Amino acid sequence: MSLTIRSLRFLHSLYQVRGLRSAAFAQSQQCTFLYQAQKSYSNGVSGPPTPGQIGPQIAEAETPTRPEEAKSTFKWSPTLFRMFESAATTFASILVLGLAGYGYHRYYKYLVLQKMENAFKPGDPVLDLAALGKNVPNTILEEDDQHWIRHAEQQKIDSIVNGTDCGRYHLLIGEKGTGKSSMLLDAMQKVDGEGISMFEAHADLEVFRIRLGKALDYEFHEDYIGSLFSIKGPREGNTALLDIERAFNKLEKIALNRRRTVGRPLVLIINGTHLLRDDEDGRDLLELVQQRAEQWAASHLVTVVLNSDDYWVYERLKQYSTRMEILPVLDLPRDQAISALKHFRSRFYHEDLPPNILEQVYDKVGGRLTFLNRVAKAPDMLQTCEHICQVERTWFLNKCWILGKDMDDDVMNQQKYASAAMVLAKALVDLEKDAGNPGQLPQVPLHKAREIMTRADFIKSYDHINIFTIDAQAMVRADSVPMQIAFREICSDPGFEDHLQATLDRISAIESLGRTREVVAKDLISAKYKINGRPDRGEGITVEVQQSTS
């Protein structure tokens, strides 16, 4: 019992002590609040705080904000550092990318010029291909152990190709097979192709561009990888003509460098210029080449040599030419061809041919180099001559034979083309009979040939398909001696003149029908009618019934 009372007293005294402690803690908190309020209002607030003032709330808000400000400073410092680090990394990446792109661009331009300069070093792919050809006729001025035909124009071509004849650009014009390309190759072999580039022309500008790039070792920026550095390639959106212009710009830089170091011009040979089409694209390309040729010839940088079989190239270039030089390449004369043929047969076949056989060969194939080369290597020369003549005759008949009076009107345009060729062939045969000179092909001026055919637009097409030819003096003749023999044989066939006249009459009748309007009158009374008016003058037609006088 006494133990219980003592326990209760102890608990009561402990409760009192805890109550006193709680009161003391509350009083200390109140004193702290008053001190803070007084400090807050001492900074500019006079008088005791009123119930509407927010001074105590501001004081309460200040104590927790100080550690938050310290914490905020701790957060923004690494953020700014990261931003600066990212900006520096980006700037360094852009700088490295720009320097790499600029360095690649400069290196690529240097590499392009270096490759193009190497294209004019000794040795040329065209010479390598020509060395593989065993049937290419050799045409060189010097008579040595390798060549058997002497061409008079070889010395001039040698001076052009080796760079001694400069200040002009040249057009080689002549019939197919006269040895123009062979003479150029021979001249290139003498200097091992040093400073010379040669390629074949083509009607398609894209193919022409590729062949030009192959000859100059220029890729037209097709291997350019500047897009990896966000650099736009120079060829994006360009045409073939612009690429050719860009290639000529690079070639001009190489020529300027060569002029300072070597002192001789470069030589650019375009073989087969007649293969370009006589249309807008072909004329634009030819104009571009001529402009560069004129400029380079004036500055002695590049000598351009154009090789053509057709007259239209000369006609086009002559319009704007000031420094162009024409070099016609013709068939060999009789004495030179017979002498070369006799020498060749004596050396390689150990034959001493009689003069009459040699005369017969020349009368059938003339001095055309490609024909002489085939005949000289044939076991039976006369039989080979007959075969060549037959091939030329077949070619002419397949292109230009006339159909006579029974032809259909649907083929009238083609028969106009064929009959005009036959009329001109007959005129050349008649001229040959009157001249009486069998050693020379008959020829007429170009304007006269157009008058004979009564057409001005067909003659260039005949020149292109090697039926007639137009030389640099604008004289029209048969393309070769075998072709003239074909004209002679066809025109001497029995009934040829009547057949030609019937064809011409049929063409005239078809054209007359196309210009005639037929008027059919039906269900008319038996009387006389009078028609007045001129439709060709815009007048109407009036039909009147004439009353018969009884």
Protein backbone atom coordinates (compact mmCIF):
# COMPACT_ATOMS: atom_id res chain seq x y z
CA MET A 1 0.00 0.00 0.00
CA SER A 2 2.71 2.42 0.93
CA LEU A 3 4.60 1.37 -2.23
CA THR A 4 1.63 2.29 -4.39
CA ILE A 5 1.27 5.71 -2.81
CA ARG A 6 4.98 6.39 -3.36
CA SER A 7 4.68 5.44 -6.99
CA LEU A 8 1.77 7.75 -7.54
CA ARG A 9 3.63 10.65 -5.93
CA PHE A 10 6.66 10.02 -8.16
CA LEU A 11 4.57 10.05 -11.33
CA HIS A 12 2.82 13.26 -10.22
CA SER A 13 6.11 15.05 -9.57
CA LEU A 14 7.44 13.86 -13.01
CA TYR A 15 4.37 15.25 -14.75
CA GLN A 16 4.84 18.63 -13.07
CA VAL A 17 8.47 18.79 -14.14
CA ARG A 18 7.54 18.06 -17.74
CA GLY A 19 4.83 20.72 -17.67
CA LEU A 20 7.29 23.29 -16.44
CA ARG A 21 9.66 22.37 -19.24
CA SER A 22 6.88 22.74 -21.81
CA ALA A 23 5.97 26.16 -20.50
CA ALA A 24 9.58 27.27 -20.55
CA PHE A 25 10.01 26.06 -24.17
CA ALA A 26 6.89 27.92 -25.27
CA GLN A 27 8.06 31.08 -23.57
CA SER A 28 11.46 30.82 -25.29
CA GLN A 29 9.77 30.38 -28.67
CA GLN A 30 7.65 33.48 -28.09
CA CYS A 31 10.72 35.52 -27.20
CA THR A 32 12.47 34.35 -30.36
CA PHE A 33 9.48 35.36 -32.52
CA LEU A 34 9.34 38.82 -30.94
CA TYR A 35 13.06 39.32 -31.50
CA GLN A 36 12.78 38.41 -35.17
CA ALA A 37 9.77 40.68 -35.65
CA GLN A 38 11.56 43.58 -34.02
CA LYS A 39 14.62 43.00 -36.22
CA SER A 40 12.46 42.90 -39.30
CA TYR A 41 10.67 46.17 -38.54
CA SER A 42 13.87 47.85 -37.54
CA ASN A 43 15.00 47.73 -41.24
CA GLY A 44 12.61 50.56 -42.22
CA VAL A 45 9.27 49.70 -40.71
CA SER A 46 8.35 52.08 -37.86
CA GLY A 47 5.92 51.34 -35.15
CA PRO A 48 4.43 48.10 -34.00
CA PRO A 49 3.02 45.85 -36.63
CA THR A 50 -0.65 46.17 -37.35
CA PRO A 51 -2.90 43.24 -37.99
CA GLY A 52 -2.91 44.02 -41.75
CA GLN A 53 0.84 44.06 -42.15
CA ILE A 54 2.76 41.05 -43.50
CA GLY A 55 6.00 41.73 -41.76
CA PRO A 56 5.98 38.53 -39.67
CA GLN A 57 5.18 36.44 -42.79
CA ILE A 58 8.16 37.98 -44.59
CA ALA A 59 10.36 37.29 -41.62
CA GLU A 60 9.17 33.72 -41.53
CA ALA A 61 9.86 33.39 -45.26
CA GLU A 62 13.39 34.74 -44.97
CA THR A 63 14.73 32.05 -42.71
CA PRO A 64 13.98 29.11 -45.08
CA THR A 65 15.07 31.00 -48.25
CA ARG A 66 18.71 31.39 -47.28
CA PRO A 67 19.51 27.68 -47.47
CA GLU A 68 17.50 27.45 -50.76
CA GLU A 69 19.59 30.24 -52.30
CA ALA A 70 22.76 28.41 -51.38
CA LYS A 71 21.33 25.22 -52.83
CA SER A 72 20.31 27.09 -56.07
CA THR A 73 23.85 28.41 -56.50
CA PHE A 74 25.14 24.90 -56.20
CA LYS A 75 22.80 23.67 -58.97
CA TRP A 76 23.44 26.42 -61.66
CA SER A 77 27.21 26.30 -61.55
CA PRO A 78 27.57 22.80 -63.12
CA THR A 79 24.77 23.62 -65.62
CA LEU A 80 26.65 26.58 -66.97
CA PHE A 81 29.77 24.48 -67.20
CA ARG A 82 27.95 21.82 -69.15
CA MET A 83 26.55 24.47 -71.53
CA PHE A 84 30.00 25.91 -72.12
CA GLU A 85 31.41 22.43 -72.63
CA SER A 86 28.71 21.55 -75.19
CA ALA A 87 29.23 24.83 -77.04
CA ALA A 88 32.98 24.32 -77.17
CA THR A 89 32.55 20.74 -78.41
CA THR A 90 30.14 21.86 -81.14
CA PHE A 91 32.42 24.68 -82.25
CA ALA A 92 35.42 22.36 -82.35
CA SER A 93 33.45 19.79 -84.38
CA ILE A 94 32.33 22.42 -86.88
CA LEU A 95 35.86 23.80 -87.10
CA VAL A 96 37.36 20.37 -87.73
CA LEU A 97 34.65 19.54 -90.28
CA GLY A 98 35.18 22.84 -92.08
CA LEU A 99 38.94 22.47 -92.16
CA ALA A 100 38.62 18.87 -93.37
CA GLY A 101 36.15 19.86 -96.09
CA TYR A 102 38.24 22.81 -97.23
CA GLY A 103 41.38 20.70 -97.22
CA TYR A 104 39.68 17.96 -99.24
CA HIS A 105 38.32 20.52 -101.71
CA ARG A 106 41.75 22.04 -102.27
CA TYR A 107 43.35 18.63 -102.59
CA TYR A 108 40.71 17.47 -105.07
CA LYS A 109 41.24 20.52 -107.30
CA TYR A 110 44.98 19.92 -107.23
CA LEU A 111 44.47 16.25 -108.03
CA VAL A 112 42.22 17.07 -110.99
CA LEU A 113 44.86 19.31 -112.55
CA GLN A 114 47.58 16.77 -111.85
CA LYS A 115 45.65 13.98 -113.53
CA MET A 116 44.88 16.14 -116.56
CA GLU A 117 48.51 17.11 -116.84
CA ASN A 118 49.49 13.44 -116.80
CA ALA A 119 47.10 12.83 -119.71
CA PHE A 120 49.47 14.81 -121.95
CA LYS A 121 52.59 12.95 -120.88
CA PRO A 122 54.29 10.68 -123.46
CA GLY A 123 52.15 7.72 -124.45
CA ASP A 124 48.48 7.77 -125.37
CA PRO A 125 45.74 5.11 -125.24
CA VAL A 126 44.84 5.93 -128.85
CA LEU A 127 48.34 4.95 -129.93
CA ASP A 128 48.10 1.71 -127.98
CA LEU A 129 44.85 0.83 -129.71
CA ALA A 130 46.25 1.77 -133.12
CA ALA A 131 49.28 -0.43 -132.52
CA LEU A 132 46.96 -3.41 -132.15
CA GLY A 133 45.30 -2.77 -135.52
CA LYS A 134 46.89 -4.75 -138.28
CA ASN A 135 44.75 -3.50 -141.16
CA VAL A 136 45.13 0.22 -140.64
CA PRO A 137 46.70 1.79 -143.74
CA ASN A 138 49.97 3.55 -143.01
CA THR A 139 50.39 7.04 -144.39
CA ILE A 140 53.68 8.70 -143.66
CA LEU A 141 55.86 11.01 -145.64
CA GLU A 142 59.16 9.17 -145.29
CA GLU A 143 59.49 5.95 -147.25
CA ASP A 144 61.18 3.54 -144.85
CA ASP A 145 60.97 -0.13 -144.02
CA GLN A 146 57.52 0.12 -142.40
CA HIS A 147 55.37 2.31 -144.60
CA TRP A 148 54.65 2.04 -148.29
CA ILE A 149 52.42 4.98 -149.24
CA ARG A 150 53.56 8.56 -149.21
CA HIS A 151 50.93 11.23 -148.54
CA ALA A 152 51.71 14.81 -149.48
CA GLU A 153 49.87 16.28 -146.49
CA GLN A 154 51.86 14.30 -143.92
CA GLN A 155 54.57 16.92 -143.47
CA LYS A 156 52.00 19.62 -142.73
CA ILE A 157 50.23 17.39 -140.22
CA ASP A 158 53.54 16.53 -138.53
CA SER A 159 54.26 20.20 -137.94
CA ILE A 160 50.78 20.71 -136.50
CA VAL A 161 50.94 17.75 -134.13
CA ASN A 162 54.45 18.35 -132.81
CA GLY A 163 53.56 21.96 -131.95
CA THR A 164 55.76 23.85 -134.37
CA ASP A 165 52.81 25.08 -136.45
CA CYS A 166 50.77 27.06 -133.94
CA GLY A 167 48.58 30.15 -133.90
CA ARG A 168 45.75 28.50 -135.84
CA TYR A 169 43.27 25.69 -135.53
CA HIS A 170 42.81 23.25 -138.37
CA LEU A 171 40.00 21.40 -140.14
CA LEU A 172 40.92 18.24 -142.02
CA ILE A 173 38.22 17.58 -144.58
CA GLY A 174 38.03 14.78 -147.11
CA GLU A 175 36.16 11.65 -148.10
CA LYS A 176 36.00 8.59 -145.93
CA GLY A 177 39.08 6.41 -146.35
CA THR A 178 41.51 9.02 -147.62
CA GLY A 179 43.85 8.50 -144.64
CA LYS A 180 43.13 11.51 -142.41
CA SER A 181 43.06 9.60 -139.13
CA SER A 182 46.02 7.45 -140.13
CA MET A 183 48.16 10.50 -140.83
CA LEU A 184 47.26 11.95 -137.43
CA LEU A 185 48.22 8.69 -135.72
CA ASP A 186 51.52 8.57 -137.58
CA ALA A 187 52.31 12.12 -136.52
CA MET A 188 51.47 11.24 -132.91
CA GLN A 189 53.75 8.20 -133.00
CA LYS A 190 56.71 10.35 -134.00
CA VAL A 191 56.48 12.34 -130.75
CA ASP A 192 55.08 9.44 -128.67
CA GLY A 193 51.89 11.39 -128.02
CA GLU A 194 53.62 14.00 -125.85
CA GLY A 195 51.37 17.02 -125.37
CA ILE A 196 48.63 15.46 -127.53
CA SER A 197 45.17 14.13 -126.72
CA MET A 198 42.83 12.55 -129.25
CA PHE A 199 39.28 11.21 -129.00
CA GLU A 200 36.33 10.31 -131.23
CA ALA A 201 33.29 12.55 -131.49
CA HIS A 202 29.75 11.26 -131.06
CA ALA A 203 26.26 12.52 -131.83
CA ASP A 204 25.10 12.16 -128.20
CA LEU A 205 26.45 14.96 -126.02
CA GLU A 206 26.70 12.68 -122.99
CA VAL A 207 28.85 10.20 -124.88
CA PHE A 208 30.93 13.08 -126.24
CA ARG A 209 31.40 14.32 -122.67
CA ILE A 210 32.54 10.92 -121.44
CA ARG A 211 35.01 10.49 -124.30
CA LEU A 212 36.42 13.95 -123.71
CA GLY A 213 36.81 13.16 -120.03
CA LYS A 214 38.59 9.91 -120.84
CA ALA A 215 41.01 11.69 -123.18
CA LEU A 216 41.78 14.39 -120.60
CA ASP A 217 41.61 12.04 -117.58
CA TYR A 218 38.90 14.24 -116.13
CA GLU A 219 36.00 12.76 -114.14
CA PHE A 220 33.73 15.84 -114.23
CA HIS A 221 33.55 15.72 -110.39
CA GLU A 222 31.68 12.44 -110.51
CA ASP A 223 34.13 11.07 -107.93
CA TYR A 224 33.76 14.15 -105.72
CA ILE A 225 32.73 13.29 -102.14
CA GLY A 226 32.45 16.83 -100.80
CA SER A 227 28.82 16.12 -99.92
CA LEU A 228 30.16 14.30 -96.86
CA PHE A 229 31.29 17.73 -95.67
CA SER A 230 28.02 19.38 -96.72
CA ILE A 231 29.74 20.91 -99.79
CA LYS A 232 27.60 20.92 -102.91
CA GLY A 233 29.21 19.17 -105.86
CA PRO A 234 29.95 21.30 -108.95
CA ARG A 235 28.12 18.90 -111.28
CA GLU A 236 24.76 18.88 -109.52
CA GLY A 237 22.10 20.09 -111.95
CA ASN A 238 24.51 20.59 -114.87
CA THR A 239 24.14 19.56 -118.50
CA ALA A 240 26.65 17.83 -120.74
CA LEU A 241 27.48 21.11 -122.48
CA LEU A 242 28.33 22.79 -119.17
CA ASP A 243 30.54 19.84 -118.24
CA ILE A 244 32.43 20.21 -121.51
CA GLU A 245 32.89 23.91 -120.80
CA ARG A 246 34.24 23.07 -117.34
CA ALA A 247 36.67 20.55 -118.83
CA PHE A 248 37.94 23.20 -121.24
CA ASN A 249 38.49 25.55 -118.29
CA LYS A 250 40.70 22.96 -116.60
CA LEU A 251 42.51 22.32 -119.88
CA GLU A 252 43.24 26.01 -120.20
CA LYS A 253 44.98 26.02 -116.81
CA ILE A 254 47.16 23.10 -117.86
CA ALA A 255 48.00 24.85 -121.13
CA LEU A 256 49.03 28.02 -119.30
CA ASN A 257 51.36 26.03 -117.08
CA ARG A 258 52.82 24.19 -120.08
CA ARG A 259 53.43 27.44 -121.92
CA ARG A 260 55.56 28.70 -119.02
CA THR A 261 57.54 25.46 -118.69
CA VAL A 262 57.73 23.91 -122.19
CA GLY A 263 56.86 26.77 -124.52
CA ARG A 264 54.79 24.69 -126.95
CA PRO A 265 51.00 24.47 -127.14
CA LEU A 266 48.95 21.42 -126.36
CA VAL A 267 47.21 19.62 -129.23
CA LEU A 268 43.59 18.48 -128.95
CA ILE A 269 42.37 16.29 -131.83
CA ILE A 270 38.64 15.66 -132.30
CA ASN A 271 38.23 12.86 -134.80
CA GLY A 272 34.97 12.24 -136.66
CA THR A 273 33.45 15.68 -136.15
CA HIS A 274 30.90 14.93 -138.88
CA LEU A 275 29.25 12.46 -136.50
CA LEU A 276 27.73 15.37 -134.60
CA ARG A 277 24.11 15.95 -135.53
CA ASP A 278 23.27 18.99 -137.59
CA ASP A 279 20.67 20.12 -135.06
CA GLU A 280 20.53 22.62 -132.22
CA ASP A 281 22.60 20.56 -129.77
CA GLY A 282 25.23 19.69 -132.36
CA ARG A 283 25.55 23.29 -133.53
CA ASP A 284 25.83 24.54 -129.94
CA LEU A 285 28.63 22.08 -129.24
CA LEU A 286 30.45 22.99 -132.43
CA GLU A 287 30.12 26.68 -131.59
CA LEU A 288 31.56 26.05 -128.13
CA VAL A 289 34.53 24.17 -129.55
CA GLN A 290 35.15 26.87 -132.16
CA GLN A 291 35.07 29.67 -129.59
CA ARG A 292 37.69 27.90 -127.50
CA ALA A 293 39.76 27.07 -130.58
CA GLU A 294 39.79 30.70 -131.67
CA GLN A 295 40.80 31.88 -128.22
CA TRP A 296 43.50 29.27 -127.73
CA ALA A 297 44.92 29.80 -131.21
CA ALA A 298 45.27 33.53 -130.56
CA SER A 299 47.18 32.91 -127.31
CA HIS A 300 49.16 29.86 -128.60
CA LEU A 301 47.82 27.72 -125.76
CA VAL A 302 46.08 24.80 -127.49
CA THR A 303 45.96 23.79 -131.16
CA VAL A 304 42.59 22.22 -131.96
CA VAL A 305 42.44 19.81 -134.91
CA LEU A 306 39.01 18.82 -136.25
CA ASN A 307 38.68 15.87 -138.60
CA SER A 308 35.53 15.67 -140.70
CA ASP A 309 34.18 13.75 -143.69
CA ASP A 310 31.19 16.02 -144.34
CA TYR A 311 30.95 19.48 -145.80
CA TRP A 312 28.39 20.85 -143.34
CA VAL A 313 31.00 21.09 -140.58
CA TYR A 314 33.12 23.38 -142.75
CA GLU A 315 30.04 25.39 -143.72
CA ARG A 316 29.15 25.85 -140.06
CA LEU A 317 32.66 26.79 -138.91
CA LYS A 318 33.35 29.16 -141.81
CA GLN A 319 30.66 31.54 -140.62
CA TYR A 320 32.62 32.63 -137.50
CA SER A 321 36.16 31.57 -138.35
CA THR A 322 39.09 33.98 -138.29
CA ARG A 323 42.04 31.68 -137.50
CA MET A 324 40.82 28.43 -139.05
CA GLU A 325 42.96 26.74 -141.68
CA ILE A 326 41.47 24.19 -144.07
CA LEU A 327 43.53 21.13 -144.98
CA PRO A 328 41.78 19.07 -147.69
CA VAL A 329 42.87 15.45 -147.94
CA LEU A 330 42.20 13.96 -151.38
CA ASP A 331 42.81 10.68 -153.17
CA LEU A 332 46.31 9.86 -154.35
CA PRO A 333 47.11 10.87 -157.93
CA ARG A 334 47.50 8.18 -160.57
CA ASP A 335 51.29 8.04 -160.75
CA GLN A 336 51.78 7.94 -157.00
CA ALA A 337 49.14 5.27 -156.43
CA ILE A 338 50.46 3.00 -159.19
CA SER A 339 54.06 3.37 -157.99
CA ALA A 340 53.16 2.58 -154.38
CA LEU A 341 51.05 -0.43 -155.40
CA LYS A 342 53.80 -1.83 -157.59
CA HIS A 343 56.41 -1.38 -154.84
CA PHE A 344 54.22 -3.11 -152.27
CA ARG A 345 53.45 -6.15 -154.45
CA SER A 346 57.09 -6.48 -155.43
CA ARG A 347 58.33 -6.43 -151.87
CA PHE A 348 55.78 -8.57 -150.03
CA TYR A 349 54.50 -10.83 -152.83
CA HIS A 350 57.57 -10.85 -155.10
CA GLU A 351 55.45 -9.95 -158.10
CA ASP A 352 56.44 -7.74 -160.97
CA LEU A 353 53.03 -6.53 -162.11
CA PRO A 354 52.64 -5.34 -165.69
CA PRO A 355 51.57 -1.71 -166.18
CA ASN A 356 48.22 -2.63 -167.72
CA ILE A 357 47.15 -4.51 -164.54
CA LEU A 358 48.11 -1.56 -162.39
CA GLU A 359 46.20 0.77 -164.72
CA GLN A 360 43.10 -1.43 -164.47
CA VAL A 361 43.30 -1.42 -160.68
CA TYR A 362 43.53 2.34 -160.56
CA ASP A 363 40.67 2.76 -163.05
CA LYS A 364 38.41 0.67 -160.81
CA VAL A 365 39.28 1.93 -157.30
CA GLY A 366 41.14 5.17 -157.96
CA GLY A 367 43.56 6.59 -155.43
CA ARG A 368 41.40 5.97 -152.34
CA LEU A 369 43.78 4.77 -149.65
CA THR A 370 41.43 2.31 -147.98
CA PHE A 371 40.68 0.62 -151.33
CA LEU A 372 44.34 0.44 -152.31
CA ASN A 373 45.19 -1.13 -148.99
CA ARG A 374 42.61 -3.88 -149.48
CA VAL A 375 43.58 -4.50 -153.09
CA ALA A 376 47.33 -4.59 -152.39
CA LYS A 377 46.91 -7.33 -149.78
CA ALA A 378 44.48 -9.43 -151.83
CA PRO A 379 45.70 -12.48 -153.80
CA ASP A 380 43.55 -11.50 -156.80
CA MET A 381 43.57 -7.74 -157.11
CA LEU A 382 41.14 -7.43 -160.02
CA GLN A 383 38.56 -9.62 -158.33
CA THR A 384 38.82 -7.50 -155.19
CA CYS A 385 38.29 -4.40 -157.32
CA GLU A 386 35.12 -5.90 -158.79
CA HIS A 387 33.87 -6.70 -155.32
CA ILE A 388 34.45 -3.15 -154.13
CA CYS A 389 32.57 -1.74 -157.13
CA GLN A 390 29.69 -4.12 -156.54
CA VAL A 391 29.43 -3.10 -152.89
CA GLU A 392 29.27 0.58 -153.83
CA ARG A 393 26.63 -0.09 -156.50
CA THR A 394 24.47 -2.05 -154.06
CA TRP A 395 24.75 0.70 -151.48
CA PHE A 396 23.59 3.33 -153.96
CA LEU A 397 20.67 1.27 -155.25
CA ASN A 398 19.49 0.40 -151.74
CA LYS A 399 19.42 4.05 -150.78
CA CYS A 400 18.21 5.78 -153.95
CA TRP A 401 16.50 3.42 -156.38
CA ILE A 402 13.36 4.71 -158.09
CA LEU A 403 10.08 2.79 -158.31
CA GLY A 404 8.64 3.95 -161.65
CA LYS A 405 5.14 4.92 -162.71
CA ASP A 406 3.32 2.36 -160.56
CA MET A 407 4.59 3.56 -157.21
CA ASP A 408 2.16 4.24 -154.40
CA ASP A 409 1.55 7.78 -153.25
CA ASP A 410 2.62 6.92 -149.70
CA VAL A 411 6.27 6.71 -150.75
CA MET A 412 6.31 10.00 -152.61
CA ASN A 413 8.64 11.76 -150.15
CA GLN A 414 11.19 8.97 -150.29
CA GLN A 415 10.97 8.86 -154.07
CA LYS A 416 11.58 12.59 -154.26
CA TYR A 417 14.82 11.97 -152.36
CA ALA A 418 15.78 9.02 -154.59
CA SER A 419 14.85 10.60 -157.90
CA ALA A 420 16.85 13.74 -157.09
CA ALA A 421 19.94 11.58 -156.52
CA MET A 422 19.36 9.74 -159.79
CA VAL A 423 18.98 13.01 -161.68
CA LEU A 424 22.26 14.30 -160.29
CA ALA A 425 24.03 11.00 -161.00
CA LYS A 426 22.82 11.10 -164.60
CA ALA A 427 24.05 14.69 -164.92
CA LEU A 428 27.53 13.66 -163.72
CA VAL A 429 27.62 10.75 -166.17
CA ASP A 430 26.63 13.05 -169.05
CA LEU A 431 29.28 15.53 -167.96
CA GLU A 432 31.89 12.76 -167.95
CA LYS A 433 30.98 11.81 -171.51
CA ASP A 434 31.27 15.40 -172.69
CA ALA A 435 34.55 16.02 -170.87
CA GLY A 436 36.24 12.89 -172.12
CA ASN A 437 38.76 12.82 -169.26
CA PRO A 438 38.62 9.37 -167.64
CA GLY A 439 41.39 10.14 -165.16
CA GLN A 440 39.37 12.72 -163.23
CA LEU A 441 35.95 12.47 -161.65
CA PRO A 442 33.39 14.90 -163.10
CA GLN A 443 32.21 17.59 -160.72
CA VAL A 444 29.80 20.51 -160.64
CA PRO A 445 29.51 23.49 -158.27
CA LEU A 446 27.25 23.10 -155.28
CA HIS A 447 24.73 25.68 -156.43
CA LYS A 448 24.57 24.04 -159.84
CA ALA A 449 23.96 20.65 -158.28
CA ARG A 450 21.03 22.06 -156.34
CA GLU A 451 19.67 23.55 -159.55
CA ILE A 452 19.93 20.19 -161.31
CA MET A 453 18.06 18.41 -158.51
CA THR A 454 15.60 21.31 -158.05
CA ARG A 455 16.11 20.73 -154.33
CA ALA A 456 18.52 22.48 -151.97
CA ASP A 457 18.18 20.31 -148.88
CA PHE A 458 19.08 16.82 -150.14
CA ILE A 459 22.73 17.29 -151.05
CA LYS A 460 24.01 17.34 -147.44
CA SER A 461 22.25 14.08 -146.75
CA TYR A 462 23.88 12.50 -149.81
CA ASP A 463 27.23 13.68 -148.54
CA HIS A 464 26.55 12.13 -145.15
CA ILE A 465 25.71 8.68 -146.56
CA ASN A 466 28.77 8.75 -148.88
CA ILE A 467 27.00 8.83 -152.23
CA PHE A 468 28.13 12.27 -153.33
CA THR A 469 30.83 14.38 -151.75
CA ILE A 470 31.34 18.12 -151.39
CA ASP A 471 34.93 19.28 -151.09
CA ALA A 472 36.31 22.42 -149.48
CA GLN A 473 35.84 24.35 -152.76
CA ALA A 474 32.11 23.51 -152.77
CA MET A 475 32.40 21.15 -155.73
CA VAL A 476 30.07 18.16 -155.93
CA ARG A 477 31.16 14.83 -157.40
CA ALA A 478 30.78 11.12 -156.80
CA ASP A 479 32.11 9.98 -153.44
CA SER A 480 34.67 7.66 -155.03
CA VAL A 481 35.72 6.10 -158.31
CA PRO A 482 33.73 2.90 -157.61
CA MET A 483 30.65 5.05 -156.95
CA GLN A 484 31.13 6.87 -160.26
CA ILE A 485 31.41 3.49 -161.97
CA ALA A 486 28.10 2.53 -160.33
CA PHE A 487 26.51 5.74 -161.68
CA ARG A 488 27.82 4.93 -165.12
CA GLU A 489 26.52 1.36 -165.10
CA ILE A 490 23.09 2.27 -163.79
CA CYS A 491 22.57 5.12 -166.22
CA SER A 492 23.67 2.92 -169.13
CA ASP A 493 21.07 0.24 -168.37
CA PRO A 494 18.45 -0.13 -171.13
CA GLY A 495 15.28 1.77 -170.32
CA PHE A 496 16.78 3.70 -167.40
CA GLU A 497 15.89 7.13 -168.81
CA ASP A 498 12.29 6.11 -169.45
CA HIS A 499 12.06 4.60 -165.97
CA LEU A 500 13.41 7.79 -164.43
CA GLN A 501 11.06 9.97 -166.45
CA ALA A 502 8.08 7.79 -165.50
CA THR A 503 9.02 8.18 -161.84
CA LEU A 504 9.25 11.95 -162.19
CA ASP A 505 5.90 12.07 -163.97
CA ARG A 506 4.28 9.98 -161.27
CA ILE A 507 5.64 12.31 -158.59
CA SER A 508 4.28 15.29 -160.50
CA ALA A 509 0.89 13.62 -160.85
CA ILE A 510 0.68 12.86 -157.13
CA GLU A 511 1.61 16.43 -156.30
CA SER A 512 -0.97 17.69 -158.79
CA LEU A 513 -3.64 15.56 -157.18
CA GLY A 514 -2.73 17.02 -153.83
CA ARG A 515 -3.23 20.53 -155.17
CA THR A 516 -6.50 19.77 -157.03
CA ARG A 517 -10.00 20.00 -155.54
CA GLU A 518 -12.65 17.99 -157.37
CA VAL A 519 -16.24 19.28 -157.51
CA VAL A 520 -18.97 16.73 -158.22
CA ALA A 521 -22.34 18.00 -159.41
CA LYS A 522 -25.29 15.64 -159.01
CA ASP A 523 -28.94 15.74 -160.06
CA LEU A 524 -28.55 18.72 -162.34
CA ILE A 525 -30.89 19.55 -165.16
CA SER A 526 -29.84 19.30 -168.74
CA ALA A 527 -28.54 22.76 -169.34
CA LYS A 528 -25.39 24.80 -169.64
CA TYR A 529 -23.72 26.21 -166.53
CA LYS A 530 -21.37 29.11 -166.00
CA ILE A 531 -18.91 29.13 -163.07
CA ASN A 532 -17.51 32.44 -161.91
CA GLY A 533 -15.01 33.31 -159.17
CA ARG A 534 -11.34 32.85 -158.19
CA PRO A 535 -10.93 30.86 -154.96
CA ASP A 536 -7.17 31.54 -154.95
CA ARG A 537 -7.97 35.26 -154.63
CA GLY A 538 -10.53 34.80 -151.92
CA GLU A 539 -13.50 35.05 -154.27
CA GLY A 540 -16.45 32.74 -154.00
CA ILE A 541 -17.64 30.42 -156.71
CA THR A 542 -20.92 31.15 -158.39
CA VAL A 543 -22.73 28.63 -160.60
CA GLU A 544 -25.30 30.06 -163.01
CA VAL A 545 -27.60 28.24 -165.43
CA GLN A 546 -27.38 29.65 -168.91
CA GLN A 547 -30.70 29.74 -170.74
CA SER A 548 -30.51 28.25 -174.17
CA THR A 549 -31.69 30.52 -176.93
CA SER A 550 -34.16 28.76 -179.19
